[in-house]
Each structure stands twice: as structure tokens, then as C-alpha cells.
Amino acid sequence: MPVISRVADAARDELAAGTFSIPFKAVRAFRHDQTLPEGKELRVSVVPNAVKAAPLSRGICHYDMEIYVAVTKKVERAIPEAIDPLLGLVEEIIDFFRLRRLANCPEAMWVSTENRPMVSTEHIEQLKQFTSLVSLNFRATR
């Protein structure tokens, strides 16, 4: 199995074992669905996105892998009471992975996290949907 797939699976497994303020089931996918069906379920998708390899020394490389965690949920209105708990969940996910080595892929170490978009205003306006994309960056040496 490709190392980025193992990292994505391990990240999903870590999320499944975690405790968060809003319960969810993380699923691994090859893309995060931009739109949700009309139900109000919370969806958390773990998506392998990119790999960058760079030499470390003779015959050894760093592999930097980017994994997306997409958090999506239908919302009636863009008001703090609807959005703030979801932003809180996104922040919990960000904090959860900070300095974490993945149990099911111990060769991958967390390097950095980016949250962009923090909230997709287009999705709120057009789809009545909260969408936030967390980019987790892990490094493995091979």
C-alpha cells in the first residue's frame, strides 16, 4: 500500500479513536464531496492529497505528505450559534494532531497544519453548508 494511503488510513483511525465535542465517524475517501445531501449529518472525510519527496542524504529521502480532513455539515443560517460549534470541532481536530505520531503508521510524524478555508463562505451562501478544510502535513523518511 502506498505510504500516503497508510498515512490517511492511520489519520482516520486516530480520529475514530479520539473524543471530540461533536461525535462523528471519519471516512477515508479520494476526494471530499463538495455538497452534502439535504440531511443535516456531519461528515468528516480524510483525503490523501499530495506527496513531495526531497533528498535528505545519499539514498535517503524525506516524503512530505499532505492529508486533507474536510468537515462539512448543513446549516440553516450563517449565525454564530450554528457555526461556532463546528469551528470548535475543527480546532479540536487541529489540536488533536499537533505533535502526533500516528499509531498505525509510526514512521510518519506530524510537521504542520493549515486550515484554509477556515469556513467556505461560498458554501454557506450557495449550499447552506459549513465546509472547513484542514491540511495535515506528515513527514516520513525512506
Protein backbone atom coordinates (compact mmCIF):
# COMPACT_ATOMS: atom_id res chain seq x y z
CA MET A 1 0.00 0.00 0.00
CA PRO A 2 1.39 3.48 -0.82
CA VAL A 3 2.71 5.33 2.19
CA ILE A 4 0.28 8.25 1.69
CA SER A 5 -2.63 5.79 1.79
CA ARG A 6 -1.27 4.30 5.01
CA VAL A 7 -0.93 7.79 6.49
CA ALA A 8 -4.50 8.68 5.50
CA ASP A 9 -5.82 5.41 6.97
CA ALA A 10 -3.84 5.98 10.16
CA ALA A 11 -5.16 9.56 10.46
CA ARG A 12 -8.72 8.27 10.03
CA ASP A 13 -8.09 5.61 12.69
CA GLU A 14 -6.71 8.23 15.11
CA LEU A 15 -9.82 10.37 14.60
CA ALA A 16 -12.05 7.33 15.18
CA ALA A 17 -10.29 6.65 18.50
CA GLY A 18 -10.44 10.29 19.62
CA THR A 19 -13.02 12.05 21.74
CA PHE A 20 -14.46 15.28 20.37
CA SER A 21 -17.17 17.74 21.42
CA ILE A 22 -19.32 16.70 18.45
CA PRO A 23 -19.29 12.96 17.69
CA PHE A 24 -18.59 11.92 14.11
CA LYS A 25 -17.48 8.99 12.02
CA ALA A 26 -14.40 9.76 9.91
CA VAL A 27 -14.29 8.14 6.48
CA ARG A 28 -11.39 7.83 4.11
CA ALA A 29 -12.02 8.98 0.57
CA PHE A 30 -10.10 10.04 -2.51
CA ARG A 31 -11.92 13.36 -2.64
CA HIS A 32 -14.13 15.22 -0.27
CA ASP A 33 -17.64 15.73 -1.56
CA GLN A 34 -18.28 19.39 -2.10
CA THR A 35 -22.00 19.12 -1.43
CA LEU A 36 -23.94 17.15 1.13
CA PRO A 37 -27.41 15.71 0.65
CA GLU A 38 -30.26 17.51 2.34
CA GLY A 39 -29.80 15.66 5.66
CA LYS A 40 -28.01 17.51 8.42
CA GLU A 41 -25.39 14.87 9.16
CA LEU A 42 -21.86 15.90 9.99
CA ARG A 43 -19.31 14.48 7.56
CA VAL A 44 -15.58 14.23 8.24
CA SER A 45 -13.58 12.97 5.26
CA VAL A 46 -9.88 12.07 5.32
CA VAL A 47 -8.34 12.51 1.87
CA PRO A 48 -4.75 11.90 0.71
CA ASN A 49 -3.83 14.97 -1.32
CA ALA A 50 -0.13 15.31 -2.20
CA VAL A 51 3.35 13.87 -1.76
CA LYS A 52 6.62 15.76 -2.06
CA ALA A 53 9.95 13.94 -1.94
CA ALA A 54 13.29 15.63 -1.26
CA PRO A 55 16.75 14.18 -0.67
CA LEU A 56 17.92 14.03 2.92
CA SER A 57 21.23 12.28 2.33
CA ARG A 58 22.67 9.81 -0.09
CA GLY A 59 19.94 7.27 -0.79
CA ILE A 60 17.51 8.64 1.83
CA CYS A 61 14.59 10.98 1.16
CA HIS A 62 12.01 12.91 3.15
CA TYR A 63 8.48 12.28 1.98
CA ASP A 64 6.17 15.12 2.93
CA MET A 65 2.55 14.05 2.68
CA GLU A 66 -0.48 16.29 2.76
CA ILE A 67 -3.72 14.83 4.08
CA TYR A 68 -6.97 16.79 3.99
CA VAL A 69 -9.56 16.50 6.72
CA ALA A 70 -12.77 18.02 5.39
CA VAL A 71 -15.50 18.89 7.88
CA THR A 72 -18.92 19.52 6.32
CA LYS A 73 -22.42 19.96 7.71
CA LYS A 74 -25.64 21.54 6.50
CA VAL A 75 -26.55 24.73 8.37
CA GLU A 76 -29.75 26.74 8.13
CA ARG A 77 -28.12 30.12 8.60
CA ALA A 78 -24.63 31.55 8.96
CA ILE A 79 -25.04 32.61 12.57
CA PRO A 80 -22.56 32.13 15.43
CA GLU A 81 -24.84 29.57 17.15
CA ALA A 82 -24.64 27.32 14.06
CA ILE A 83 -21.03 27.93 13.01
CA ASP A 84 -19.08 28.30 16.28
CA PRO A 85 -19.53 24.68 17.47
CA LEU A 86 -18.28 23.45 14.08
CA LEU A 87 -15.30 25.82 14.22
CA GLY A 88 -14.65 24.46 17.71
CA LEU A 89 -14.61 20.91 16.31
CA VAL A 90 -12.17 21.95 13.58
CA GLU A 91 -9.91 23.50 16.21
CA GLU A 92 -10.10 20.27 18.25
CA ILE A 93 -9.04 18.28 15.17
CA ILE A 94 -6.13 20.66 14.58
CA ASP A 95 -5.01 20.37 18.22
CA PHE A 96 -5.53 16.60 18.20
CA PHE A 97 -2.86 16.04 15.52
CA ARG A 98 -0.32 18.56 16.84
CA LEU A 99 2.99 16.80 17.57
CA ARG A 100 1.32 13.41 16.98
CA ARG A 101 2.98 10.32 15.64
CA LEU A 102 0.38 8.06 14.05
CA ALA A 103 -0.02 4.75 15.89
CA ASN A 104 -0.76 2.72 12.73
CA CYS A 105 1.97 4.45 10.71
CA PRO A 106 4.70 5.35 13.24
CA GLU A 107 7.21 6.37 10.57
CA ALA A 108 5.01 9.40 9.79
CA MET A 109 5.42 12.39 12.10
CA TRP A 110 3.21 15.48 12.10
CA VAL A 111 5.01 18.52 10.65
CA SER A 112 2.40 21.25 10.25
CA THR A 113 -1.28 22.07 9.87
CA GLU A 114 -3.13 24.66 7.82
CA ASN A 115 -6.86 25.47 7.94
CA ARG A 116 -7.85 27.00 4.63
CA PRO A 117 -10.62 27.74 4.08
CA MET A 118 -11.47 28.03 7.71
CA VAL A 119 -15.06 28.46 6.54
CA SER A 120 -16.05 28.41 2.88
CA THR A 121 -18.26 31.47 2.51
CA GLU A 122 -19.30 30.27 -0.95
CA HIS A 123 -20.63 27.02 0.51
CA ILE A 124 -22.53 28.86 3.23
CA GLU A 125 -24.08 31.29 0.75
CA GLN A 126 -24.79 28.87 -2.10
CA LEU A 127 -25.27 25.49 -0.41
CA LYS A 128 -26.25 26.38 3.18
CA GLN A 129 -23.35 24.22 4.21
CA PHE A 130 -20.43 24.63 6.58
CA THR A 131 -17.20 23.45 4.95
CA SER A 132 -13.77 23.69 6.54
CA LEU A 133 -10.61 22.10 5.16
CA VAL A 134 -7.75 21.11 7.48
CA SER A 135 -4.49 20.30 5.73
CA LEU A 136 -2.31 17.97 7.83
CA ASN A 137 1.31 17.57 6.78
CA PHE A 138 3.27 14.47 7.82
CA ARG A 139 6.86 13.50 7.09
CA ALA A 140 8.37 10.05 6.66
CA THR A 141 11.96 9.19 5.84
CA ARG A 142 12.81 6.33 3.49
